[in-house]
Amino acid sequence: MGSYGGIADQQRTDAELLGAHVAGDRYAFEELFYRHHRQLYRLAHYTSRNPDDAADALQDAMLAAHRCAPTFRYDASVSSWLYRIVVNACLDRLRRNKTHPASPLESYVYLLGDPTSRVDTALMVERALLRLPLEQRAVVVAVDMQGYSVAETAHLLGVPEGTVKSRCSRARAKLAKTLEYFEEDAPTVRTERR
């Protein structure tokens, strides 16, 4: 921890840090951000098209959270509130950049070590996620990767629970099909018998 945070900040809850920020503690929001930075960036990265968009969306989201902190009603957890702001910032940025051409699938191919080695499973899932429509990607990341319930996800995204369920179902079906394709397409290492 730097000079902004210490043992006292580590012991404060998210709600206490947000309240301290609103009351004028100039380091409280920074501590809150650093506490959740890794998870929020991962969420932004999975929701956005690339690391630059994710970083920009996360910055937009944190500025929005910093500004609208006094309006937080404490009817949800602070982390859920931050999550919703990040998802909305990603969706807004992607909608604004609709003219931005999608990267070809080949640009997401990452081979580990020897070119004949198998593609890492996590990277295959990331590639498959990037192929999902934006709304489906947001719900499947929330429910299946971040562990939010259908009801929580519906509240976070401002859509009915049935919409979350149908988007999850469609996203899972597309992911299964895409991952099956990647698995068939992945290079294999053959060993010769002697």
N, C-alpha and C. Protein backbone atom coordinates (compact mmCIF):
# COMPACT_ATOMS: atom_id res chain seq x y z
N MET A 1 0.82 -1.18 0.00
CA MET A 1 0.00 0.00 0.00
C MET A 1 0.87 1.25 0.00
N GLY A 2 0.41 2.24 -0.69
CA GLY A 2 1.11 3.51 -0.69
C GLY A 2 0.65 4.36 0.46
N SER A 3 0.92 5.65 0.37
CA SER A 3 0.56 6.55 1.45
C SER A 3 -0.95 6.73 1.56
N TYR A 4 -1.69 6.40 0.52
CA TYR A 4 -3.13 6.58 0.54
C TYR A 4 -3.83 5.56 1.42
N GLY A 5 -3.26 4.39 1.55
CA GLY A 5 -3.95 3.33 2.27
C GLY A 5 -3.04 2.69 3.28
N GLY A 6 -3.59 2.18 4.28
CA GLY A 6 -2.83 1.49 5.29
C GLY A 6 -3.70 0.42 5.88
N ILE A 7 -3.31 -0.01 7.07
CA ILE A 7 -4.06 -1.05 7.76
C ILE A 7 -5.50 -0.60 7.99
N ALA A 8 -5.70 0.66 8.34
CA ALA A 8 -7.05 1.15 8.62
C ALA A 8 -7.94 1.03 7.39
N ASP A 9 -7.43 1.36 6.20
CA ASP A 9 -8.22 1.25 4.98
C ASP A 9 -8.52 -0.20 4.64
N GLN A 10 -7.60 -1.09 4.95
CA GLN A 10 -7.81 -2.51 4.65
C GLN A 10 -8.91 -3.08 5.53
N GLN A 11 -9.14 -2.48 6.69
CA GLN A 11 -10.15 -2.98 7.61
C GLN A 11 -11.53 -2.37 7.35
N ARG A 12 -11.60 -1.28 6.59
CA ARG A 12 -12.89 -0.65 6.30
C ARG A 12 -13.60 -1.43 5.20
N THR A 13 -14.91 -1.50 5.32
CA THR A 13 -15.70 -2.15 4.28
C THR A 13 -15.77 -1.25 3.05
N ASP A 14 -16.23 -1.82 1.95
CA ASP A 14 -16.42 -1.02 0.73
C ASP A 14 -17.37 0.14 0.99
N ALA A 15 -18.46 -0.14 1.71
CA ALA A 15 -19.45 0.90 2.00
C ALA A 15 -18.84 2.01 2.85
N GLU A 16 -18.00 1.62 3.81
CA GLU A 16 -17.33 2.63 4.65
C GLU A 16 -16.37 3.47 3.82
N LEU A 17 -15.64 2.84 2.90
CA LEU A 17 -14.73 3.59 2.03
C LEU A 17 -15.50 4.55 1.14
N LEU A 18 -16.61 4.10 0.58
CA LEU A 18 -17.40 4.97 -0.28
C LEU A 18 -17.97 6.14 0.53
N GLY A 19 -18.45 5.85 1.73
CA GLY A 19 -18.96 6.90 2.60
C GLY A 19 -17.88 7.90 2.98
N ALA A 20 -16.68 7.40 3.24
CA ALA A 20 -15.56 8.28 3.58
C ALA A 20 -15.20 9.17 2.39
N HIS A 21 -15.26 8.59 1.19
CA HIS A 21 -14.99 9.38 -0.02
C HIS A 21 -15.99 10.51 -0.15
N VAL A 22 -17.26 10.20 0.04
CA VAL A 22 -18.31 11.21 -0.07
C VAL A 22 -18.12 12.29 1.01
N ALA A 23 -17.63 11.87 2.18
CA ALA A 23 -17.42 12.82 3.28
C ALA A 23 -16.15 13.65 3.12
N GLY A 24 -15.35 13.35 2.08
CA GLY A 24 -14.18 14.18 1.83
C GLY A 24 -12.83 13.51 2.01
N ASP A 25 -12.79 12.23 2.37
CA ASP A 25 -11.51 11.51 2.50
C ASP A 25 -10.93 11.32 1.10
N ARG A 26 -9.85 12.01 0.82
CA ARG A 26 -9.33 12.02 -0.55
C ARG A 26 -8.64 10.73 -0.96
N TYR A 27 -8.39 9.83 -0.04
CA TYR A 27 -7.74 8.56 -0.39
C TYR A 27 -8.70 7.36 -0.39
N ALA A 28 -9.90 7.54 0.12
CA ALA A 28 -10.83 6.42 0.28
C ALA A 28 -11.25 5.82 -1.07
N PHE A 29 -11.56 6.66 -2.05
CA PHE A 29 -11.99 6.12 -3.34
C PHE A 29 -10.83 5.39 -4.03
N GLU A 30 -9.64 5.92 -3.88
CA GLU A 30 -8.46 5.27 -4.46
C GLU A 30 -8.28 3.87 -3.87
N GLU A 31 -8.46 3.75 -2.57
CA GLU A 31 -8.35 2.45 -1.92
C GLU A 31 -9.44 1.51 -2.44
N LEU A 32 -10.65 2.02 -2.56
CA LEU A 32 -11.77 1.22 -3.08
C LEU A 32 -11.45 0.74 -4.50
N PHE A 33 -10.94 1.62 -5.32
CA PHE A 33 -10.58 1.26 -6.69
C PHE A 33 -9.51 0.18 -6.70
N TYR A 34 -8.45 0.36 -5.93
CA TYR A 34 -7.37 -0.64 -5.92
C TYR A 34 -7.83 -1.97 -5.36
N ARG A 35 -8.77 -1.94 -4.46
CA ARG A 35 -9.30 -3.18 -3.89
C ARG A 35 -9.99 -4.02 -4.96
N HIS A 36 -10.66 -3.36 -5.91
CA HIS A 36 -11.46 -4.07 -6.92
C HIS A 36 -10.88 -3.98 -8.33
N HIS A 37 -9.76 -3.34 -8.49
CA HIS A 37 -9.20 -3.07 -9.82
C HIS A 37 -9.06 -4.32 -10.67
N ARG A 38 -8.47 -5.35 -10.15
CA ARG A 38 -8.20 -6.56 -10.95
C ARG A 38 -9.50 -7.18 -11.47
N GLN A 39 -10.49 -7.34 -10.60
CA GLN A 39 -11.75 -7.94 -11.02
C GLN A 39 -12.49 -7.03 -12.01
N LEU A 40 -12.47 -5.73 -11.76
CA LEU A 40 -13.17 -4.80 -12.66
C LEU A 40 -12.49 -4.74 -14.03
N TYR A 41 -11.16 -4.79 -14.04
CA TYR A 41 -10.47 -4.78 -15.34
C TYR A 41 -10.76 -6.08 -16.10
N ARG A 42 -10.75 -7.19 -15.39
CA ARG A 42 -11.05 -8.47 -16.05
C ARG A 42 -12.45 -8.44 -16.65
N LEU A 43 -13.40 -7.89 -15.90
CA LEU A 43 -14.76 -7.74 -16.41
C LEU A 43 -14.78 -6.86 -17.65
N ALA A 44 -14.10 -5.73 -17.60
CA ALA A 44 -14.05 -4.82 -18.75
C ALA A 44 -13.39 -5.49 -19.94
N HIS A 45 -12.36 -6.27 -19.68
CA HIS A 45 -11.65 -6.94 -20.78
C HIS A 45 -12.53 -7.98 -21.44
N TYR A 46 -13.27 -8.76 -20.63
CA TYR A 46 -14.15 -9.77 -21.21
C TYR A 46 -15.33 -9.15 -21.94
N THR A 47 -15.75 -7.97 -21.50
CA THR A 47 -16.91 -7.32 -22.12
C THR A 47 -16.51 -6.52 -23.35
N SER A 48 -15.30 -5.98 -23.35
CA SER A 48 -14.82 -5.15 -24.46
C SER A 48 -14.14 -5.99 -25.53
N ARG A 49 -13.73 -5.33 -26.57
CA ARG A 49 -13.10 -6.04 -27.68
C ARG A 49 -11.60 -6.25 -27.49
N ASN A 50 -10.96 -5.36 -26.78
CA ASN A 50 -9.51 -5.47 -26.64
C ASN A 50 -9.04 -4.76 -25.38
N PRO A 51 -7.78 -4.95 -25.01
CA PRO A 51 -7.27 -4.35 -23.77
C PRO A 51 -7.35 -2.82 -23.73
N ASP A 52 -7.15 -2.16 -24.87
CA ASP A 52 -7.23 -0.69 -24.88
C ASP A 52 -8.65 -0.22 -24.60
N ASP A 53 -9.64 -0.86 -25.23
CA ASP A 53 -11.04 -0.52 -24.97
C ASP A 53 -11.40 -0.80 -23.52
N ALA A 54 -10.89 -1.92 -22.99
CA ALA A 54 -11.17 -2.27 -21.60
C ALA A 54 -10.60 -1.23 -20.65
N ALA A 55 -9.37 -0.81 -20.88
CA ALA A 55 -8.74 0.20 -20.02
C ALA A 55 -9.50 1.52 -20.10
N ASP A 56 -9.89 1.92 -21.30
CA ASP A 56 -10.63 3.17 -21.48
C ASP A 56 -12.00 3.09 -20.80
N ALA A 57 -12.69 1.97 -20.97
CA ALA A 57 -14.01 1.80 -20.35
C ALA A 57 -13.89 1.80 -18.83
N LEU A 58 -12.85 1.15 -18.31
CA LEU A 58 -12.65 1.13 -16.87
C LEU A 58 -12.38 2.53 -16.34
N GLN A 59 -11.59 3.30 -17.06
CA GLN A 59 -11.33 4.68 -16.66
C GLN A 59 -12.62 5.50 -16.68
N ASP A 60 -13.41 5.37 -17.76
CA ASP A 60 -14.70 6.06 -17.83
C ASP A 60 -15.58 5.68 -16.65
N ALA A 61 -15.62 4.40 -16.34
CA ALA A 61 -16.46 3.90 -15.26
C ALA A 61 -16.02 4.45 -13.91
N MET A 62 -14.73 4.47 -13.67
CA MET A 62 -14.26 4.95 -12.38
C MET A 62 -14.48 6.45 -12.21
N LEU A 63 -14.36 7.20 -13.30
CA LEU A 63 -14.67 8.62 -13.23
C LEU A 63 -16.16 8.82 -12.93
N ALA A 64 -17.00 8.02 -13.57
CA ALA A 64 -18.44 8.12 -13.33
C ALA A 64 -18.77 7.74 -11.88
N ALA A 65 -18.15 6.67 -11.38
CA ALA A 65 -18.39 6.24 -10.00
C ALA A 65 -17.92 7.30 -9.01
N HIS A 66 -16.78 7.90 -9.29
CA HIS A 66 -16.23 8.94 -8.42
C HIS A 66 -17.21 10.12 -8.34
N ARG A 67 -17.74 10.50 -9.49
CA ARG A 67 -18.66 11.65 -9.54
C ARG A 67 -20.02 11.36 -8.93
N CYS A 68 -20.54 10.15 -9.17
CA CYS A 68 -21.91 9.88 -8.71
C CYS A 68 -21.95 9.13 -7.37
N ALA A 69 -20.83 9.02 -6.69
CA ALA A 69 -20.80 8.34 -5.39
C ALA A 69 -21.82 8.90 -4.39
N PRO A 70 -22.03 10.23 -4.34
CA PRO A 70 -23.02 10.74 -3.39
C PRO A 70 -24.44 10.23 -3.64
N THR A 71 -24.72 9.74 -4.84
CA THR A 71 -26.07 9.26 -5.14
C THR A 71 -26.26 7.77 -4.83
N PHE A 72 -25.18 7.09 -4.41
CA PHE A 72 -25.29 5.66 -4.10
C PHE A 72 -26.27 5.49 -2.94
N ARG A 73 -27.26 4.58 -3.12
CA ARG A 73 -28.35 4.43 -2.15
C ARG A 73 -28.12 3.31 -1.13
N TYR A 74 -27.05 2.56 -1.25
CA TYR A 74 -26.73 1.47 -0.33
C TYR A 74 -27.81 0.38 -0.34
N ASP A 75 -28.52 0.22 -1.47
CA ASP A 75 -29.50 -0.84 -1.60
C ASP A 75 -28.91 -2.07 -2.28
N ALA A 76 -27.64 -2.00 -2.60
CA ALA A 76 -26.89 -3.12 -3.18
C ALA A 76 -25.47 -3.01 -2.64
N SER A 77 -24.66 -4.02 -2.90
CA SER A 77 -23.27 -3.93 -2.46
C SER A 77 -22.53 -2.93 -3.34
N VAL A 78 -21.49 -2.34 -2.79
CA VAL A 78 -20.69 -1.38 -3.53
C VAL A 78 -20.04 -2.08 -4.73
N SER A 79 -19.60 -3.32 -4.55
CA SER A 79 -18.96 -4.03 -5.68
C SER A 79 -19.96 -4.26 -6.81
N SER A 80 -21.22 -4.56 -6.49
CA SER A 80 -22.24 -4.71 -7.54
C SER A 80 -22.48 -3.40 -8.26
N TRP A 81 -22.50 -2.31 -7.50
CA TRP A 81 -22.67 -0.98 -8.07
C TRP A 81 -21.52 -0.66 -9.02
N LEU A 82 -20.28 -0.95 -8.60
CA LEU A 82 -19.12 -0.72 -9.47
C LEU A 82 -19.19 -1.61 -10.71
N TYR A 83 -19.61 -2.85 -10.52
CA TYR A 83 -19.72 -3.80 -11.62
C TYR A 83 -20.69 -3.25 -12.68
N ARG A 84 -21.83 -2.77 -12.21
CA ARG A 84 -22.83 -2.25 -13.16
C ARG A 84 -22.28 -1.04 -13.92
N ILE A 85 -21.58 -0.17 -13.24
CA ILE A 85 -21.01 1.01 -13.90
C ILE A 85 -19.99 0.60 -14.95
N VAL A 86 -19.17 -0.40 -14.64
CA VAL A 86 -18.16 -0.87 -15.60
C VAL A 86 -18.84 -1.51 -16.82
N VAL A 87 -19.82 -2.37 -16.59
CA VAL A 87 -20.53 -3.01 -17.71
C VAL A 87 -21.19 -1.94 -18.59
N ASN A 88 -21.85 -0.98 -17.96
CA ASN A 88 -22.50 0.08 -18.74
C ASN A 88 -21.48 0.92 -19.51
N ALA A 89 -20.33 1.20 -18.91
CA ALA A 89 -19.29 1.96 -19.62
C ALA A 89 -18.78 1.17 -20.82
N CYS A 90 -18.62 -0.14 -20.66
CA CYS A 90 -18.18 -0.99 -21.78
C CYS A 90 -19.23 -0.99 -22.89
N LEU A 91 -20.49 -1.17 -22.51
CA LEU A 91 -21.56 -1.20 -23.50
C LEU A 91 -21.66 0.13 -24.23
N ASP A 92 -21.57 1.24 -23.49
CA ASP A 92 -21.62 2.57 -24.11
C ASP A 92 -20.47 2.76 -25.09
N ARG A 93 -19.28 2.37 -24.66
CA ARG A 93 -18.10 2.54 -25.53
C ARG A 93 -18.23 1.68 -26.78
N LEU A 94 -18.70 0.45 -26.64
CA LEU A 94 -18.85 -0.41 -27.80
C LEU A 94 -19.94 0.09 -28.75
N ARG A 95 -21.01 0.64 -28.19
CA ARG A 95 -22.06 1.20 -29.04
C ARG A 95 -21.55 2.42 -29.80
N ARG A 96 -20.78 3.27 -29.13
CA ARG A 96 -20.22 4.46 -29.79
C ARG A 96 -19.24 4.07 -30.88
N ASN A 97 -18.53 2.97 -30.68
CA ASN A 97 -17.51 2.53 -31.63
C ASN A 97 -18.02 1.47 -32.59
N LYS A 98 -19.32 1.42 -32.82
CA LYS A 98 -19.88 0.40 -33.71
C LYS A 98 -19.23 0.38 -35.08
N THR A 99 -18.72 1.53 -35.53
CA THR A 99 -18.06 1.57 -36.82
C THR A 99 -16.66 0.99 -36.77
N HIS A 100 -16.17 0.74 -35.54
CA HIS A 100 -14.86 0.14 -35.37
C HIS A 100 -14.89 -1.29 -35.91
N PRO A 101 -14.07 -1.62 -36.88
CA PRO A 101 -14.15 -2.96 -37.46
C PRO A 101 -13.77 -4.03 -36.44
N ALA A 102 -14.48 -5.11 -36.50
CA ALA A 102 -14.15 -6.22 -35.62
C ALA A 102 -12.81 -6.81 -36.04
N SER A 103 -12.04 -7.20 -35.04
CA SER A 103 -10.76 -7.81 -35.35
C SER A 103 -10.99 -9.20 -35.90
N PRO A 104 -10.23 -9.59 -36.90
CA PRO A 104 -10.41 -10.94 -37.42
C PRO A 104 -10.05 -11.96 -36.34
N LEU A 105 -10.70 -13.10 -36.41
CA LEU A 105 -10.48 -14.13 -35.42
C LEU A 105 -9.02 -14.52 -35.31
N GLU A 106 -8.31 -14.50 -36.42
CA GLU A 106 -6.91 -14.90 -36.39
C GLU A 106 -6.07 -14.03 -35.47
N SER A 107 -6.47 -12.79 -35.24
CA SER A 107 -5.68 -11.92 -34.37
C SER A 107 -5.75 -12.36 -32.92
N TYR A 108 -6.71 -13.24 -32.58
CA TYR A 108 -6.82 -13.71 -31.21
C TYR A 108 -6.17 -15.08 -31.02
N VAL A 109 -5.51 -15.57 -32.02
CA VAL A 109 -4.86 -16.86 -31.90
C VAL A 109 -3.55 -16.67 -31.15
N TYR A 110 -3.44 -17.33 -30.03
CA TYR A 110 -2.22 -17.27 -29.24
C TYR A 110 -1.71 -18.70 -29.08
N LEU A 111 -0.58 -18.99 -29.59
CA LEU A 111 0.00 -20.31 -29.40
C LEU A 111 1.03 -20.23 -28.29
N LEU A 112 1.04 -21.21 -27.45
CA LEU A 112 1.97 -21.23 -26.34
C LEU A 112 3.16 -22.10 -26.68
N GLY A 113 4.35 -21.50 -26.60
CA GLY A 113 5.57 -22.27 -26.85
C GLY A 113 5.65 -22.73 -28.29
N ASP A 114 5.88 -24.00 -28.47
CA ASP A 114 6.04 -24.60 -29.78
C ASP A 114 4.75 -24.42 -30.60
N PRO A 115 4.87 -24.04 -31.89
CA PRO A 115 3.67 -23.82 -32.71
C PRO A 115 2.75 -25.03 -32.80
N THR A 116 3.24 -26.21 -32.52
CA THR A 116 2.37 -27.38 -32.60
C THR A 116 1.67 -27.68 -31.27
N SER A 117 1.92 -26.88 -30.25
CA SER A 117 1.28 -27.13 -28.96
C SER A 117 -0.19 -26.72 -28.99
N ARG A 118 -0.96 -27.25 -28.07
CA ARG A 118 -2.39 -26.92 -27.99
C ARG A 118 -2.57 -25.50 -27.47
N VAL A 119 -3.66 -24.87 -27.91
CA VAL A 119 -3.98 -23.52 -27.45
C VAL A 119 -4.53 -23.62 -26.03
N ASP A 120 -4.09 -22.74 -25.17
CA ASP A 120 -4.52 -22.74 -23.78
C ASP A 120 -6.03 -22.57 -23.68
N THR A 121 -6.67 -23.34 -22.82
CA THR A 121 -8.13 -23.33 -22.68
C THR A 121 -8.67 -21.94 -22.35
N ALA A 122 -8.02 -21.25 -21.45
CA ALA A 122 -8.50 -19.91 -21.07
C ALA A 122 -8.50 -18.97 -22.26
N LEU A 123 -7.51 -19.07 -23.10
CA LEU A 123 -7.44 -18.21 -24.28
C LEU A 123 -8.51 -18.59 -25.30
N MET A 124 -8.81 -19.88 -25.39
CA MET A 124 -9.89 -20.30 -26.31
C MET A 124 -11.23 -19.74 -25.83
N VAL A 125 -11.46 -19.79 -24.52
CA VAL A 125 -12.71 -19.26 -23.98
C VAL A 125 -12.78 -17.76 -24.24
N GLU A 126 -11.68 -17.06 -24.03
CA GLU A 126 -11.67 -15.61 -24.28
C GLU A 126 -11.98 -15.31 -25.74
N ARG A 127 -11.39 -16.06 -26.63
CA ARG A 127 -11.66 -15.86 -28.07
C ARG A 127 -13.12 -16.10 -28.37
N ALA A 128 -13.68 -17.16 -27.78
CA ALA A 128 -15.09 -17.48 -28.01
C ALA A 128 -15.99 -16.38 -27.44
N LEU A 129 -15.66 -15.86 -26.27
CA LEU A 129 -16.44 -14.78 -25.68
C LEU A 129 -16.46 -13.55 -26.59
N LEU A 130 -15.34 -13.25 -27.19
CA LEU A 130 -15.25 -12.06 -28.05
C LEU A 130 -16.11 -12.19 -29.30
N ARG A 131 -16.50 -13.40 -29.64
CA ARG A 131 -17.35 -13.61 -30.81
C ARG A 131 -18.84 -13.47 -30.49
N LEU A 132 -19.20 -13.42 -29.21
CA LEU A 132 -20.60 -13.30 -28.82
C LEU A 132 -21.11 -11.88 -29.04
N PRO A 133 -22.40 -11.74 -29.35
CA PRO A 133 -22.99 -10.39 -29.38
C PRO A 133 -22.83 -9.74 -28.00
N LEU A 134 -22.73 -8.45 -27.99
CA LEU A 134 -22.44 -7.69 -26.79
C LEU A 134 -23.37 -8.01 -25.62
N GLU A 135 -24.68 -8.03 -25.85
CA GLU A 135 -25.63 -8.25 -24.77
C GLU A 135 -25.49 -9.66 -24.20
N GLN A 136 -25.23 -10.64 -25.05
CA GLN A 136 -25.04 -12.01 -24.57
C GLN A 136 -23.74 -12.13 -23.79
N ARG A 137 -22.71 -11.47 -24.27
CA ARG A 137 -21.41 -11.51 -23.59
C ARG A 137 -21.54 -10.93 -22.18
N ALA A 138 -22.26 -9.83 -22.04
CA ALA A 138 -22.41 -9.18 -20.74
C ALA A 138 -23.09 -10.10 -19.73
N VAL A 139 -24.15 -10.79 -20.13
CA VAL A 139 -24.86 -11.64 -19.17
C VAL A 139 -24.07 -12.90 -18.85
N VAL A 140 -23.43 -13.50 -19.83
CA VAL A 140 -22.69 -14.73 -19.55
C VAL A 140 -21.45 -14.43 -18.68
N VAL A 141 -20.85 -13.28 -18.86
CA VAL A 141 -19.73 -12.88 -17.99
C VAL A 141 -20.23 -12.67 -16.57
N ALA A 142 -21.37 -12.00 -16.43
CA ALA A 142 -21.92 -11.73 -15.10
C ALA A 142 -22.31 -13.02 -14.38
N VAL A 143 -23.06 -13.88 -15.06
CA VAL A 143 -23.59 -15.08 -14.42
C VAL A 143 -22.54 -16.18 -14.30
N ASP A 144 -21.90 -16.51 -15.40
CA ASP A 144 -21.02 -17.68 -15.41
C ASP A 144 -19.58 -17.39 -14.97
N MET A 145 -19.13 -16.16 -15.13
CA MET A 145 -17.75 -15.87 -14.78
C MET A 145 -17.61 -15.08 -13.49
N GLN A 146 -18.56 -14.19 -13.23
CA GLN A 146 -18.49 -13.39 -12.01
C GLN A 146 -19.34 -13.95 -10.88
N GLY A 147 -20.21 -14.91 -11.19
CA GLY A 147 -20.98 -15.59 -10.15
C GLY A 147 -22.23 -14.87 -9.68
N TYR A 148 -22.70 -13.88 -10.43
CA TYR A 148 -23.94 -13.20 -10.05
C TYR A 148 -25.13 -14.08 -10.39
N SER A 149 -26.18 -13.98 -9.59
CA SER A 149 -27.40 -14.73 -9.88
C SER A 149 -28.11 -14.07 -11.06
N VAL A 150 -29.11 -14.76 -11.60
CA VAL A 150 -29.90 -14.21 -12.69
C VAL A 150 -30.58 -12.93 -12.23
N ALA A 151 -31.14 -12.95 -11.01
CA ALA A 151 -31.82 -11.76 -10.49
C ALA A 151 -30.85 -10.59 -10.33
N GLU A 152 -29.66 -10.87 -9.79
CA GLU A 152 -28.66 -9.80 -9.61
C GLU A 152 -28.23 -9.24 -10.96
N THR A 153 -28.03 -10.12 -11.92
CA THR A 153 -27.61 -9.70 -13.25
C THR A 153 -28.70 -8.85 -13.91
N ALA A 154 -29.94 -9.26 -13.75
CA ALA A 154 -31.05 -8.48 -14.30
C ALA A 154 -31.07 -7.09 -13.69
N HIS A 155 -30.84 -7.01 -12.38
CA HIS A 155 -30.80 -5.71 -11.71
C HIS A 155 -29.61 -4.88 -12.19
N LEU A 156 -28.45 -5.52 -12.30
CA LEU A 156 -27.24 -4.81 -12.74
C LEU A 156 -27.39 -4.22 -14.13
N LEU A 157 -27.99 -5.00 -15.03
CA LEU A 157 -28.09 -4.57 -16.42
C LEU A 157 -29.40 -3.85 -16.74
N GLY A 158 -30.32 -3.85 -15.80
CA GLY A 158 -31.59 -3.16 -16.01
C GLY A 158 -32.48 -3.84 -17.03
N VAL A 159 -32.48 -5.17 -17.03
CA VAL A 159 -33.33 -5.93 -17.95
C VAL A 159 -34.11 -6.96 -17.14
N PRO A 160 -35.22 -7.49 -17.69
CA PRO A 160 -35.98 -8.52 -16.97
C PRO A 160 -35.17 -9.82 -16.80
N GLU A 161 -35.51 -10.58 -15.77
CA GLU A 161 -34.82 -11.85 -15.51
C GLU A 161 -34.94 -12.81 -16.69
N GLY A 162 -36.12 -12.83 -17.33
CA GLY A 162 -36.31 -13.70 -18.49
C GLY A 162 -35.35 -13.37 -19.62
N THR A 163 -35.04 -12.09 -19.77
CA THR A 163 -34.08 -11.66 -20.80
C THR A 163 -32.70 -12.19 -20.46
N VAL A 164 -32.33 -12.12 -19.19
CA VAL A 164 -31.03 -12.65 -18.76
C VAL A 164 -30.96 -14.14 -19.05
N LYS A 165 -32.01 -14.87 -18.70
CA LYS A 165 -32.03 -16.32 -18.91
C LYS A 165 -31.90 -16.67 -20.39
N SER A 166 -32.67 -15.97 -21.24
CA SER A 166 -32.62 -16.30 -22.67
C SER A 166 -31.27 -15.92 -23.27
N ARG A 167 -30.71 -14.78 -22.87
CA ARG A 167 -29.39 -14.39 -23.39
C ARG A 167 -28.32 -15.36 -22.93
N CYS A 168 -28.41 -15.80 -21.67
CA CYS A 168 -27.45 -16.79 -21.17
C CYS A 168 -27.55 -18.09 -21.95
N SER A 169 -28.78 -18.52 -22.18
CA SER A 169 -28.99 -19.77 -22.92
C SER A 169 -28.40 -19.68 -24.32
N ARG A 170 -28.71 -18.58 -25.02
CA ARG A 170 -28.17 -18.42 -26.38
C ARG A 170 -26.65 -18.30 -26.36
N ALA A 171 -26.12 -17.56 -25.38
CA ALA A 171 -24.66 -17.39 -25.29
C ALA A 171 -23.97 -18.71 -25.02
N ARG A 172 -24.53 -19.50 -24.10
CA ARG A 172 -23.92 -20.79 -23.77
C ARG A 172 -23.93 -21.73 -24.97
N ALA A 173 -25.04 -21.71 -25.71
CA ALA A 173 -25.12 -22.56 -26.91
C ALA A 173 -24.07 -22.14 -27.94
N LYS A 174 -23.92 -20.84 -28.14
CA LYS A 174 -22.91 -20.35 -29.10
C LYS A 174 -21.51 -20.66 -28.61
N LEU A 175 -21.28 -20.50 -27.31
CA LEU A 175 -19.95 -20.81 -26.76
C LEU A 175 -19.63 -22.28 -26.94
N ALA A 176 -20.60 -23.14 -26.66
CA ALA A 176 -20.37 -24.58 -26.80
C ALA A 176 -20.01 -24.92 -28.24
N LYS A 177 -20.75 -24.35 -29.18
CA LYS A 177 -20.47 -24.61 -30.59
C LYS A 177 -19.11 -24.06 -31.00
N THR A 178 -18.81 -22.83 -30.56
CA THR A 178 -17.54 -22.21 -30.90
C THR A 178 -16.37 -22.97 -30.28
N LEU A 179 -16.50 -23.34 -29.02
CA LEU A 179 -15.42 -24.05 -28.34
C LEU A 179 -15.22 -25.45 -28.94
N GLU A 180 -16.31 -26.04 -29.41
CA GLU A 180 -16.19 -27.32 -30.10
C GLU A 180 -15.38 -27.14 -31.38
N TYR A 181 -15.65 -26.04 -32.10
CA TYR A 181 -14.90 -25.72 -33.32
C TYR A 181 -13.43 -25.51 -33.00
N PHE A 182 -13.15 -24.72 -31.93
CA PHE A 182 -11.76 -24.47 -31.56
C PHE A 182 -11.05 -25.76 -31.18
N GLU A 183 -11.77 -26.63 -30.46
CA GLU A 183 -11.16 -27.89 -30.02
C GLU A 183 -10.80 -28.75 -31.23
N GLU A 184 -11.69 -28.78 -32.22
CA GLU A 184 -11.41 -29.55 -33.43
C GLU A 184 -10.28 -28.91 -34.23
N ASP A 185 -10.21 -27.58 -34.18
CA ASP A 185 -9.23 -26.84 -34.96
C ASP A 185 -7.86 -26.76 -34.30
N ALA A 186 -7.82 -27.05 -32.98
CA ALA A 186 -6.56 -26.90 -32.25
C ALA A 186 -5.54 -27.91 -32.74
N PRO A 187 -4.28 -27.47 -32.90
CA PRO A 187 -3.25 -28.40 -33.34
C PRO A 187 -2.97 -29.44 -32.28
N THR A 188 -2.66 -30.64 -32.70
CA THR A 188 -2.32 -31.68 -31.76
C THR A 188 -0.88 -32.11 -31.98
N VAL A 189 -0.30 -32.63 -30.94
CA VAL A 189 1.07 -33.14 -31.04
C VAL A 189 0.99 -34.63 -31.20
N ARG A 190 1.57 -35.12 -32.26
CA ARG A 190 1.55 -36.56 -32.52
C ARG A 190 2.89 -37.15 -32.15
N THR A 191 2.83 -38.25 -31.48
CA THR A 191 4.08 -38.94 -31.13
C THR A 191 4.14 -40.23 -31.92
N GLU A 192 5.29 -40.47 -32.47
CA GLU A 192 5.47 -41.70 -33.26
C GLU A 192 5.89 -42.82 -32.36
N ARG A 193 5.36 -43.99 -32.64
CA ARG A 193 5.76 -45.19 -31.88
C ARG A 193 7.03 -45.74 -32.51
N ARG A 194 7.90 -46.18 -31.68
CA ARG A 194 9.14 -46.77 -32.20
C ARG A 194 9.23 -48.20 -31.84
